[in-house]
């Protein structure tokens, strides 16, 4: 049986987003809506489900930009979760890109 998750006690208020960050996320929401309308089906080749999430192959932690349309893939929720487990196929198909590869998402 997996361990039971418990909530950590909050020790203070969350910091508000800066105006700059708030504008960035407003723009990101627009981009996500546009991409999901343009690409309604999961981009994993063998999947026939509707896309519900936008994933960045070159993640922010690896130097990616959340507003770069070329760095976005529309995927279904199950494949989005699988991508984040770093299954072997995600690198081969370009759904994750290492920062040291010097490649951009294709």
PDB file of N, CA and C in Angstrom:
ATOM      1  N   UNK A   1       0.853  -1.178   0.000  1.00  0.00           N
ATOM      2  CA  UNK A   1       0.000   0.000   0.000  1.00  0.00           C
ATOM      3  C   UNK A   1       0.902   1.245   0.000  1.00  0.00           C
ATOM      4  N   UNK A   2       0.646   2.206  -0.920  1.00  0.00           N
ATOM      5  CA  UNK A   2       1.485   3.403  -0.965  1.00  0.00           C
ATOM      6  C   UNK A   2       1.311   4.250   0.292  1.00  0.00           C
ATOM      7  N   UNK A   3       2.344   5.000   0.644  1.00  0.00           N
ATOM      8  CA  UNK A   3       2.231   5.845   1.840  1.00  0.00           C
ATOM      9  C   UNK A   3       1.141   6.893   1.644  1.00  0.00           C
ATOM     10  N   UNK A   4       0.494   7.210   2.716  1.00  0.00           N
ATOM     11  CA  UNK A   4      -0.590   8.201   2.676  1.00  0.00           C
ATOM     12  C   UNK A   4       0.006   9.603   2.683  1.00  0.00           C
ATOM     13  N   UNK A   5      -0.488  10.436   1.781  1.00  0.00           N
ATOM     14  CA  UNK A   5      -0.002  11.815   1.726  1.00  0.00           C
ATOM     15  C   UNK A   5      -0.742  12.670   2.733  1.00  0.00           C
ATOM     16  N   UNK A   6       0.013  13.508   3.394  1.00  0.00           N
ATOM     17  CA  UNK A   6      -0.610  14.447   4.324  1.00  0.00           C
ATOM     18  C   UNK A   6      -0.181  15.850   3.940  1.00  0.00           C
ATOM     19  N   UNK A   7      -1.024  16.794   4.230  1.00  0.00           N
ATOM     20  CA  UNK A   7      -0.704  18.180   3.926  1.00  0.00           C
ATOM     21  C   UNK A   7       0.275  18.723   4.945  1.00  0.00           C
ATOM     22  N   UNK A   8       1.205  19.525   4.465  1.00  0.00           N
ATOM     23  CA  UNK A   8       2.123  20.184   5.376  1.00  0.00           C
ATOM     24  C   UNK A   8       1.439  21.410   5.955  1.00  0.00           C
ATOM     25  N   UNK A   9       1.708  21.709   7.202  1.00  0.00           N
ATOM     26  CA  UNK A   9       1.084  22.901   7.781  1.00  0.00           C
ATOM     27  C   UNK A   9       1.668  24.157   7.140  1.00  0.00           C
ATOM     28  N   UNK A  10       0.812  25.098   6.799  1.00  0.00           N
ATOM     29  CA  UNK A  10       1.253  26.358   6.214  1.00  0.00           C
ATOM     30  C   UNK A  10       1.752  27.262   7.338  1.00  0.00           C
ATOM     31  N   UNK A  11       2.941  27.796   7.155  1.00  0.00           N
ATOM     32  CA  UNK A  11       3.536  28.627   8.205  1.00  0.00           C
ATOM     33  C   UNK A  11       3.371  30.113   7.937  1.00  0.00           C
ATOM     34  N   UNK A  12       2.818  30.466   6.805  1.00  0.00           N
ATOM     35  CA  UNK A  12       2.630  31.886   6.489  1.00  0.00           C
ATOM     36  C   UNK A  12       1.856  32.027   5.192  1.00  0.00           C
ATOM     37  N   UNK A  13       1.648  33.240   4.793  1.00  0.00           N
ATOM     38  CA  UNK A  13       0.921  33.496   3.560  1.00  0.00           C
ATOM     39  C   UNK A  13       1.826  33.267   2.359  1.00  0.00           C
ATOM     40  N   UNK A  14       1.195  32.888   1.247  1.00  0.00           N
ATOM     41  CA  UNK A  14       1.946  32.747   0.017  1.00  0.00           C
ATOM     42  C   UNK A  14       2.269  34.136  -0.515  1.00  0.00           C
ATOM     43  N   UNK A  15       3.438  34.255  -1.135  1.00  0.00           N
ATOM     44  CA  UNK A  15       3.815  35.529  -1.732  1.00  0.00           C
ATOM     45  C   UNK A  15       2.978  35.784  -2.971  1.00  0.00           C
ATOM     46  N   UNK A  16       2.539  37.001  -3.141  1.00  0.00           N
ATOM     47  CA  UNK A  16       1.797  37.365  -4.341  1.00  0.00           C
ATOM     48  C   UNK A  16       2.751  37.394  -5.533  1.00  0.00           C
ATOM     49  N   UNK A  17       2.215  37.111  -6.716  1.00  0.00           N
ATOM     50  CA  UNK A  17       3.028  37.208  -7.923  1.00  0.00           C
ATOM     51  C   UNK A  17       3.324  38.662  -8.211  1.00  0.00           C
ATOM     52  N   UNK A  18       4.497  38.896  -8.762  1.00  0.00           N
ATOM     53  CA  UNK A  18       4.841  40.258  -9.174  1.00  0.00           C
ATOM     54  C   UNK A  18       3.982  40.613 -10.381  1.00  0.00           C
ATOM     55  N   UNK A  19       3.781  41.893 -10.656  1.00  0.00           N
ATOM     56  CA  UNK A  19       3.012  42.283 -11.845  1.00  0.00           C
ATOM     57  C   UNK A  19       3.607  41.706 -13.135  1.00  0.00           C
ATOM     58  N   UNK A  20       4.931  41.652 -13.218  1.00  0.00           N
ATOM     59  CA  UNK A  20       5.583  41.097 -14.403  1.00  0.00           C
ATOM     60  C   UNK A  20       5.247  39.614 -14.561  1.00  0.00           C
ATOM     61  N   UNK A  21       5.340  38.858 -13.476  1.00  0.00           N
ATOM     62  CA  UNK A  21       5.029  37.432 -13.525  1.00  0.00           C
ATOM     63  C   UNK A  21       3.547  37.212 -13.807  1.00  0.00           C
ATOM     64  N   UNK A  22       2.696  38.044 -13.242  1.00  0.00           N
ATOM     65  CA  UNK A  22       1.257  37.927 -13.501  1.00  0.00           C
ATOM     66  C   UNK A  22       0.968  38.129 -14.985  1.00  0.00           C
ATOM     67  N   UNK A  23       1.596  39.116 -15.622  1.00  0.00           N
ATOM     68  CA  UNK A  23       1.410  39.341 -17.068  1.00  0.00           C
ATOM     69  C   UNK A  23       1.917  38.148 -17.876  1.00  0.00           C
ATOM     70  N   UNK A  24       3.035  37.581 -17.464  1.00  0.00           N
ATOM     71  CA  UNK A  24       3.599  36.420 -18.136  1.00  0.00           C
ATOM     72  C   UNK A  24       2.595  35.260 -18.135  1.00  0.00           C
ATOM     73  N   UNK A  25       1.961  35.009 -16.990  1.00  0.00           N
ATOM     74  CA  UNK A  25       1.023  33.899 -16.894  1.00  0.00           C
ATOM     75  C   UNK A  25      -0.297  34.187 -17.602  1.00  0.00           C
ATOM     76  N   UNK A  26      -0.703  35.431 -17.715  1.00  0.00           N
ATOM     77  CA  UNK A  26      -1.880  35.780 -18.519  1.00  0.00           C
ATOM     78  C   UNK A  26      -1.584  35.440 -19.982  1.00  0.00           C
ATOM     79  N   UNK A  27      -0.396  35.810 -20.446  1.00  0.00           N
ATOM     80  CA  UNK A  27       0.010  35.496 -21.815  1.00  0.00           C
ATOM     81  C   UNK A  27       0.120  33.975 -22.012  1.00  0.00           C
ATOM     82  N   UNK A  28       0.626  33.265 -21.020  1.00  0.00           N
ATOM     83  CA  UNK A  28       0.744  31.811 -21.098  1.00  0.00           C
ATOM     84  C   UNK A  28      -0.641  31.166 -21.220  1.00  0.00           C
ATOM     85  N   UNK A  29      -1.606  31.654 -20.466  1.00  0.00           N
ATOM     86  CA  UNK A  29      -2.975  31.109 -20.547  1.00  0.00           C
ATOM     87  C   UNK A  29      -3.554  31.288 -21.941  1.00  0.00           C
ATOM     88  N   UNK A  30      -3.308  32.453 -22.547  1.00  0.00           N
ATOM     89  CA  UNK A  30      -3.777  32.681 -23.921  1.00  0.00           C
ATOM     90  C   UNK A  30      -3.099  31.713 -24.889  1.00  0.00           C
ATOM     91  N   UNK A  31      -1.791  31.537 -24.734  1.00  0.00           N
ATOM     92  CA  UNK A  31      -1.041  30.633 -25.601  1.00  0.00           C
ATOM     93  C   UNK A  31      -1.569  29.204 -25.477  1.00  0.00           C
ATOM     94  N   UNK A  32      -1.807  28.741 -24.261  1.00  0.00           N
ATOM     95  CA  UNK A  32      -2.310  27.386 -24.037  1.00  0.00           C
ATOM     96  C   UNK A  32      -3.670  27.215 -24.706  1.00  0.00           C
ATOM     97  N   UNK A  33      -4.560  28.180 -24.551  1.00  0.00           N
ATOM     98  CA  UNK A  33      -5.880  28.092 -25.181  1.00  0.00           C
ATOM     99  C   UNK A  33      -5.756  28.028 -26.701  1.00  0.00           C
ATOM    100  N   UNK A  34      -4.887  28.862 -27.263  1.00  0.00           N
ATOM    101  CA  UNK A  34      -4.678  28.854 -28.719  1.00  0.00           C
ATOM    102  C   UNK A  34      -4.118  27.518 -29.191  1.00  0.00           C
ATOM    103  N   UNK A  35      -3.113  27.004 -28.494  1.00  0.00           N
ATOM    104  CA  UNK A  35      -2.485  25.748 -28.908  1.00  0.00           C
ATOM    105  C   UNK A  35      -3.447  24.571 -28.818  1.00  0.00           C
ATOM    106  N   UNK A  36      -4.244  24.515 -27.755  1.00  0.00           N
ATOM    107  CA  UNK A  36      -5.185  23.409 -27.614  1.00  0.00           C
ATOM    108  C   UNK A  36      -6.278  23.477 -28.682  1.00  0.00           C
ATOM    109  N   UNK A  37      -6.615  24.683 -29.132  1.00  0.00           N
ATOM    110  CA  UNK A  37      -7.589  24.825 -30.220  1.00  0.00           C
ATOM    111  C   UNK A  37      -6.961  24.414 -31.558  1.00  0.00           C
ATOM    112  N   UNK A  38      -5.688  24.776 -31.763  1.00  0.00           N
ATOM    113  CA  UNK A  38      -4.993  24.443 -33.013  1.00  0.00           C
ATOM    114  C   UNK A  38      -4.643  22.962 -33.110  1.00  0.00           C
ATOM    115  N   UNK A  39      -4.300  22.373 -31.989  1.00  0.00           N
ATOM    116  CA  UNK A  39      -3.833  20.981 -31.954  1.00  0.00           C
ATOM    117  C   UNK A  39      -4.719  20.180 -30.993  1.00  0.00           C
ATOM    118  N   UNK A  40      -5.926  19.818 -31.439  1.00  0.00           N
ATOM    119  CA  UNK A  40      -6.880  19.186 -30.511  1.00  0.00           C
ATOM    120  C   UNK A  40      -6.555  17.753 -30.132  1.00  0.00           C
ATOM    121  N   UNK A  41      -5.609  17.102 -30.830  1.00  0.00           N
ATOM    122  CA  UNK A  41      -5.305  15.700 -30.547  1.00  0.00           C
ATOM    123  C   UNK A  41      -3.902  15.555 -29.962  1.00  0.00           C
ATOM    124  N   UNK A  42      -3.760  14.597 -29.080  1.00  0.00           N
ATOM    125  CA  UNK A  42      -2.480  14.315 -28.431  1.00  0.00           C
ATOM    126  C   UNK A  42      -1.403  14.108 -29.500  1.00  0.00           C
ATOM    127  N   UNK A  43      -0.255  14.726 -29.315  1.00  0.00           N
ATOM    128  CA  UNK A  43       0.828  14.652 -30.291  1.00  0.00           C
ATOM    129  C   UNK A  43       1.716  13.413 -30.131  1.00  0.00           C
ATOM    130  N   UNK A  44       1.423  12.563 -29.165  1.00  0.00           N
ATOM    131  CA  UNK A  44       2.137  11.283 -29.059  1.00  0.00           C
ATOM    132  C   UNK A  44       1.644  10.431 -30.227  1.00  0.00           C
ATOM    133  N   UNK A  45       2.552   9.941 -31.079  1.00  0.00           N
ATOM    134  CA  UNK A  45       2.149   9.315 -32.345  1.00  0.00           C
ATOM    135  C   UNK A  45       1.102   8.207 -32.247  1.00  0.00           C
ATOM    136  N   UNK A  46       1.128   7.380 -31.228  1.00  0.00           N
ATOM    137  CA  UNK A  46       0.208   6.253 -31.152  1.00  0.00           C
ATOM    138  C   UNK A  46      -1.054   6.568 -30.352  1.00  0.00           C
ATOM    139  N   UNK A  47      -1.226   7.798 -29.925  1.00  0.00           N
ATOM    140  CA  UNK A  47      -2.371   8.168 -29.094  1.00  0.00           C
ATOM    141  C   UNK A  47      -3.470   8.810 -29.947  1.00  0.00           C
ATOM    142  N   UNK A  48      -4.709   8.471 -29.628  1.00  0.00           N
ATOM    143  CA  UNK A  48      -5.844   9.042 -30.347  1.00  0.00           C
ATOM    144  C   UNK A  48      -6.739   9.857 -29.425  1.00  0.00           C
ATOM    145  N   UNK A  49      -6.242  10.221 -28.236  1.00  0.00           N
ATOM    146  CA  UNK A  49      -7.028  11.005 -27.280  1.00  0.00           C
ATOM    147  C   UNK A  49      -6.914  12.495 -27.575  1.00  0.00           C
ATOM    148  N   UNK A  50      -7.846  13.240 -27.029  1.00  0.00           N
ATOM    149  CA  UNK A  50      -7.810  14.701 -27.164  1.00  0.00           C
ATOM    150  C   UNK A  50      -6.689  15.266 -26.299  1.00  0.00           C
ATOM    151  N   UNK A  51      -6.082  16.333 -26.768  1.00  0.00           N
ATOM    152  CA  UNK A  51      -5.043  16.984 -25.968  1.00  0.00           C
ATOM    153  C   UNK A  51      -5.707  17.836 -24.896  1.00  0.00           C
ATOM    154  N   UNK A  52      -5.137  17.796 -23.708  1.00  0.00           N
ATOM    155  CA  UNK A  52      -5.692  18.541 -22.579  1.00  0.00           C
ATOM    156  C   UNK A  52      -4.620  19.353 -21.860  1.00  0.00           C
ATOM    157  N   UNK A  53      -3.373  19.167 -22.255  1.00  0.00           N
ATOM    158  CA  UNK A  53      -2.275  19.856 -21.571  1.00  0.00           C
ATOM    159  C   UNK A  53      -1.233  20.281 -22.594  1.00  0.00           C
ATOM    160  N   UNK A  54      -0.501  21.326 -22.242  1.00  0.00           N
ATOM    161  CA  UNK A  54       0.598  21.786 -23.088  1.00  0.00           C
ATOM    162  C   UNK A  54       1.891  21.546 -22.313  1.00  0.00           C
ATOM    163  N   UNK A  55       2.801  20.831 -22.937  1.00  0.00           N
ATOM    164  CA  UNK A  55       4.068  20.440 -22.303  1.00  0.00           C
ATOM    165  C   UNK A  55       5.227  21.110 -23.029  1.00  0.00           C
ATOM    166  N   UNK A  56       6.233  21.559 -22.291  1.00  0.00           N
ATOM    167  CA  UNK A  56       7.442  22.139 -22.880  1.00  0.00           C
ATOM    168  C   UNK A  56       8.564  21.103 -22.845  1.00  0.00           C
ATOM    169  N   UNK A  57       9.031  20.619 -24.011  1.00  0.00           N
ATOM    170  CA  UNK A  57      10.131  19.652 -24.035  1.00  0.00           C
ATOM    171  C   UNK A  57      11.414  20.195 -23.400  1.00  0.00           C
ATOM    172  N   UNK A  58      11.731  21.450 -23.669  1.00  0.00           N
ATOM    173  CA  UNK A  58      12.869  22.083 -23.009  1.00  0.00           C
ATOM    174  C   UNK A  58      12.276  22.867 -21.845  1.00  0.00           C
ATOM    175  N   UNK A  59      12.263  22.227 -20.674  1.00  0.00           N
ATOM    176  CA  UNK A  59      11.578  22.798 -19.517  1.00  0.00           C
ATOM    177  C   UNK A  59      12.241  24.099 -19.057  1.00  0.00           C
ATOM    178  N   UNK A  60      11.515  24.851 -18.252  1.00  0.00           N
ATOM    179  CA  UNK A  60      12.069  26.110 -17.722  1.00  0.00           C
ATOM    180  C   UNK A  60      13.330  25.846 -16.921  1.00  0.00           C
ATOM    181  N   UNK A  61      13.352  24.747 -16.190  1.00  0.00           N
ATOM    182  CA  UNK A  61      14.530  24.408 -15.392  1.00  0.00           C
ATOM    183  C   UNK A  61      15.741  24.111 -16.269  1.00  0.00           C
ATOM    184  N   UNK A  62      15.491  23.765 -17.525  1.00  0.00           N
ATOM    185  CA  UNK A  62      16.573  23.444 -18.464  1.00  0.00           C
ATOM    186  C   UNK A  62      16.822  24.583 -19.449  1.00  0.00           C
ATOM    187  N   UNK A  63      16.235  25.744 -19.195  1.00  0.00           N
ATOM    188  CA  UNK A  63      16.483  26.908 -20.038  1.00  0.00           C
ATOM    189  C   UNK A  63      15.416  27.191 -21.069  1.00  0.00           C
ATOM    190  N   UNK A  64      14.285  26.505 -20.981  1.00  0.00           N
ATOM    191  CA  UNK A  64      13.205  26.712 -21.940  1.00  0.00           C
ATOM    192  C   UNK A  64      12.356  27.929 -21.606  1.00  0.00           C
ATOM    193  N   UNK A  65      11.537  28.312 -22.566  1.00  0.00           N
ATOM    194  CA  UNK A  65      10.663  29.476 -22.433  1.00  0.00           C
ATOM    195  C   UNK A  65       9.219  29.002 -22.527  1.00  0.00           C
ATOM    196  N   UNK A  66       8.372  29.357 -21.552  1.00  0.00           N
ATOM    197  CA  UNK A  66       6.989  28.903 -21.550  1.00  0.00           C
ATOM    198  C   UNK A  66       6.147  29.620 -22.597  1.00  0.00           C
ATOM    199  N   UNK A  67       6.680  30.659 -23.228  1.00  0.00           N
ATOM    200  CA  UNK A  67       5.932  31.383 -24.249  1.00  0.00           C
ATOM    201  C   UNK A  67       6.411  31.076 -25.664  1.00  0.00           C
ATOM    202  N   UNK A  68       7.331  30.152 -25.810  1.00  0.00           N
ATOM    203  CA  UNK A  68       7.865  29.777 -27.121  1.00  0.00           C
ATOM    204  C   UNK A  68       6.973  28.691 -27.727  1.00  0.00           C
ATOM    205  N   UNK A  69       6.217  29.045 -28.772  1.00  0.00           N
ATOM    206  CA  UNK A  69       5.296  28.104 -29.415  1.00  0.00           C
ATOM    207  C   UNK A  69       6.032  26.861 -29.940  1.00  0.00           C
ATOM    208  N   UNK A  70       7.277  27.047 -30.380  1.00  0.00           N
ATOM    209  CA  UNK A  70       8.046  25.915 -30.905  1.00  0.00           C
ATOM    210  C   UNK A  70       8.497  24.958 -29.805  1.00  0.00           C
ATOM    211  N   UNK A  71       8.369  25.382 -28.570  1.00  0.00           N
ATOM    212  CA  UNK A  71       8.764  24.566 -27.428  1.00  0.00           C
ATOM    213  C   UNK A  71       7.529  24.020 -26.708  1.00  0.00           C
ATOM    214  N   UNK A  72       6.445  23.839 -27.418  1.00  0.00           N
ATOM    215  CA  UNK A  72       5.204  23.364 -26.807  1.00  0.00           C
ATOM    216  C   UNK A  72       4.665  22.157 -27.559  1.00  0.00           C
ATOM    217  N   UNK A  73       4.210  21.159 -26.823  1.00  0.00           N
ATOM    218  CA  UNK A  73       3.570  19.979 -27.376  1.00  0.00           C
ATOM    219  C   UNK A  73       2.236  19.802 -26.662  1.00  0.00           C
ATOM    220  N   UNK A  74       1.189  19.573 -27.423  1.00  0.00           N
ATOM    221  CA  UNK A  74      -0.136  19.327 -26.847  1.00  0.00           C
ATOM    222  C   UNK A  74      -0.301  17.826 -26.645  1.00  0.00           C
ATOM    223  N   UNK A  75      -0.614  17.440 -25.430  1.00  0.00           N
ATOM    224  CA  UNK A  75      -0.712  16.025 -25.076  1.00  0.00           C
ATOM    225  C   UNK A  75      -1.925  15.789 -24.182  1.00  0.00           C
ATOM    226  N   UNK A  76      -2.325  14.530 -24.091  1.00  0.00           N
ATOM    227  CA  UNK A  76      -3.403  14.151 -23.171  1.00  0.00           C
ATOM    228  C   UNK A  76      -2.812  14.049 -21.751  1.00  0.00           C
ATOM    229  N   UNK A  77      -3.672  14.043 -20.760  1.00  0.00           N
ATOM    230  CA  UNK A  77      -3.194  13.978 -19.371  1.00  0.00           C
ATOM    231  C   UNK A  77      -2.375  12.726 -19.057  1.00  0.00           C
ATOM    232  N   UNK A  78      -2.819  11.516 -19.499  1.00  0.00           N
ATOM    233  CA  UNK A  78      -2.002  10.330 -19.185  1.00  0.00           C
ATOM    234  C   UNK A  78      -0.587  10.411 -19.770  1.00  0.00           C
ATOM    235  N   UNK A  79      -0.463  10.894 -21.003  1.00  0.00           N
ATOM    236  CA  UNK A  79       0.877  10.992 -21.583  1.00  0.00           C
ATOM    237  C   UNK A  79       1.673  12.121 -20.949  1.00  0.00           C
ATOM    238  N   UNK A  80       1.010  13.193 -20.522  1.00  0.00           N
ATOM    239  CA  UNK A  80       1.730  14.261 -19.839  1.00  0.00           C
ATOM    240  C   UNK A  80       2.349  13.725 -18.552  1.00  0.00           C
ATOM    241  N   UNK A  81       1.586  12.924 -17.827  1.00  0.00           N
ATOM    242  CA  UNK A  81       2.126  12.320 -16.602  1.00  0.00           C
ATOM    243  C   UNK A  81       3.270  11.367 -16.929  1.00  0.00           C
ATOM    244  N   UNK A  82       3.119  10.581 -17.994  1.00  0.00           N
ATOM    245  CA  UNK A  82       4.169   9.628 -18.376  1.00  0.00           C
ATOM    246  C   UNK A  82       5.436  10.344 -18.825  1.00  0.00           C
ATOM    247  N   UNK A  83       5.283  11.464 -19.519  1.00  0.00           N
ATOM    248  CA  UNK A  83       6.444  12.249 -19.942  1.00  0.00           C
ATOM    249  C   UNK A  83       7.280  12.642 -18.732  1.00  0.00           C
ATOM    250  N   UNK A  84       6.615  13.014 -17.648  1.00  0.00           N
ATOM    251  CA  UNK A  84       7.339  13.468 -16.460  1.00  0.00           C
ATOM    252  C   UNK A  84       7.952  12.330 -15.649  1.00  0.00           C
ATOM    253  N   UNK A  85       7.670  11.076 -16.037  1.00  0.00           N
ATOM    254  CA  UNK A  85       8.388   9.950 -15.420  1.00  0.00           C
ATOM    255  C   UNK A  85       9.675   9.678 -16.182  1.00  0.00           C
ATOM    256  N   UNK A  86       9.891  10.438 -17.274  1.00  0.00           N
ATOM    257  CA  UNK A  86      11.064  10.315 -18.142  1.00  0.00           C
ATOM    258  C   UNK A  86      11.178   8.914 -18.727  1.00  0.00           C
ATOM    259  N   UNK A  87      10.049   8.409 -19.234  1.00  0.00           N
ATOM    260  CA  UNK A  87      10.054   7.129 -19.944  1.00  0.00           C
ATOM    261  C   UNK A  87      11.030   7.222 -21.118  1.00  0.00           C
ATOM    262  N   UNK A  88      11.662   6.112 -21.507  1.00  0.00           N
ATOM    263  CA  UNK A  88      12.690   6.170 -22.563  1.00  0.00           C
ATOM    264  C   UNK A  88      12.224   6.806 -23.875  1.00  0.00           C
ATOM    265  N   UNK A  89      10.973   6.623 -24.257  1.00  0.00           N
ATOM    266  CA  UNK A  89      10.493   7.154 -25.535  1.00  0.00           C
ATOM    267  C   UNK A  89      10.409   8.674 -25.563  1.00  0.00           C
ATOM    268  N   UNK A  90      10.313   9.327 -24.410  1.00  0.00           N
ATOM    269  CA  UNK A  90      10.110  10.781 -24.417  1.00  0.00           C
ATOM    270  C   UNK A  90      11.317  11.532 -24.982  1.00  0.00           C
ATOM    271  N   UNK A  91      12.515  11.041 -24.743  1.00  0.00           N
ATOM    272  CA  UNK A  91      13.705  11.676 -25.317  1.00  0.00           C
ATOM    273  C   UNK A  91      13.843  11.334 -26.794  1.00  0.00           C
ATOM    274  N   UNK A  92      13.550  10.085 -27.147  1.00  0.00           N
ATOM    275  CA  UNK A  92      13.670   9.654 -28.545  1.00  0.00           C
ATOM    276  C   UNK A  92      12.715  10.414 -29.457  1.00  0.00           C
ATOM    277  N   UNK A  93      11.522  10.746 -28.953  1.00  0.00           N
ATOM    278  CA  UNK A  93      10.526  11.455 -29.768  1.00  0.00           C
ATOM    279  C   UNK A  93      10.545  12.965 -29.558  1.00  0.00           C
ATOM    280  N   UNK A  94      11.448  13.460 -28.729  1.00  0.00           N
ATOM    281  CA  UNK A  94      11.578  14.899 -28.537  1.00  0.00           C
ATOM    282  C   UNK A  94      10.579  15.525 -27.586  1.00  0.00           C
ATOM    283  N   UNK A  95       9.950  14.718 -26.728  1.00  0.00           N
ATOM    284  CA  UNK A  95       9.021  15.280 -25.755  1.00  0.00           C
ATOM    285  C   UNK A  95       9.745  15.798 -24.516  1.00  0.00           C
ATOM    286  N   UNK A  96      11.011  15.446 -24.364  1.00  0.00           N
ATOM    287  CA  UNK A  96      11.902  16.045 -23.369  1.00  0.00           C
ATOM    288  C   UNK A  96      13.248  16.244 -24.042  1.00  0.00           C
ATOM    289  N   UNK A  97      13.881  17.359 -23.744  1.00  0.00           N
ATOM    290  CA  UNK A  97      15.172  17.695 -24.331  1.00  0.00           C
ATOM    291  C   UNK A  97      16.125  18.023 -23.194  1.00  0.00           C
ATOM    292  N   UNK A  98      17.312  17.430 -23.212  1.00  0.00           N
ATOM    293  CA  UNK A  98      18.331  17.765 -22.221  1.00  0.00           C
ATOM    294  C   UNK A  98      18.909  19.140 -22.531  1.00  0.00           C
ATOM    295  N   UNK A  99      19.199  19.896 -21.507  1.00  0.00           N
ATOM    296  CA  UNK A  99      19.765  21.232 -21.712  1.00  0.00           C
ATOM    297  C   UNK A  99      21.148  21.162 -22.339  1.00  0.00           C
ATOM    298  N   UNK A 100      21.889  20.093 -22.086  1.00  0.00           N
ATOM    299  CA  UNK A 100      23.256  20.006 -22.603  1.00  0.00           C
ATOM    300  C   UNK A 100      23.307  19.520 -24.054  1.00  0.00           C
ATOM    301  N   UNK A 101      22.169  19.091 -24.594  1.00  0.00           N
ATOM    302  CA  UNK A 101      22.160  18.625 -25.988  1.00  0.00           C
ATOM    303  C   UNK A 101      22.363  19.751 -27.000  1.00  0.00           C
ATOM    304  N   UNK A 102      22.017  20.962 -26.596  1.00  0.00           N
ATOM    305  CA  UNK A 102      22.133  22.087 -27.522  1.00  0.00           C
ATOM    306  C   UNK A 102      21.066  22.066 -28.603  1.00  0.00           C
ATOM    307  N   UNK A 103      20.121  21.140 -28.475  1.00  0.00           N
ATOM    308  CA  UNK A 103      19.028  21.050 -29.443  1.00  0.00           C
ATOM    309  C   UNK A 103      17.831  21.821 -28.942  1.00  0.00           C
ATOM    310  N   UNK A 104      17.042  22.257 -29.867  1.00  0.00           N
ATOM    311  CA  UNK A 104      15.737  22.829 -29.520  1.00  0.00           C
ATOM    312  C   UNK A 104      14.705  21.733 -29.725  1.00  0.00           C
ATOM    313  N   UNK A 105      13.564  21.898 -29.121  1.00  0.00           N
ATOM    314  CA  UNK A 105      12.489  20.928 -29.335  1.00  0.00           C
ATOM    315  C   UNK A 105      12.116  20.925 -30.799  1.00  0.00           C
ATOM    316  N   UNK A 106      11.828  19.761 -31.348  1.00  0.00           N
ATOM    317  CA  UNK A 106      11.487  19.678 -32.766  1.00  0.00           C
ATOM    318  C   UNK A 106      10.008  19.574 -32.988  1.00  0.00           C
TER     319      UNK A 106
END
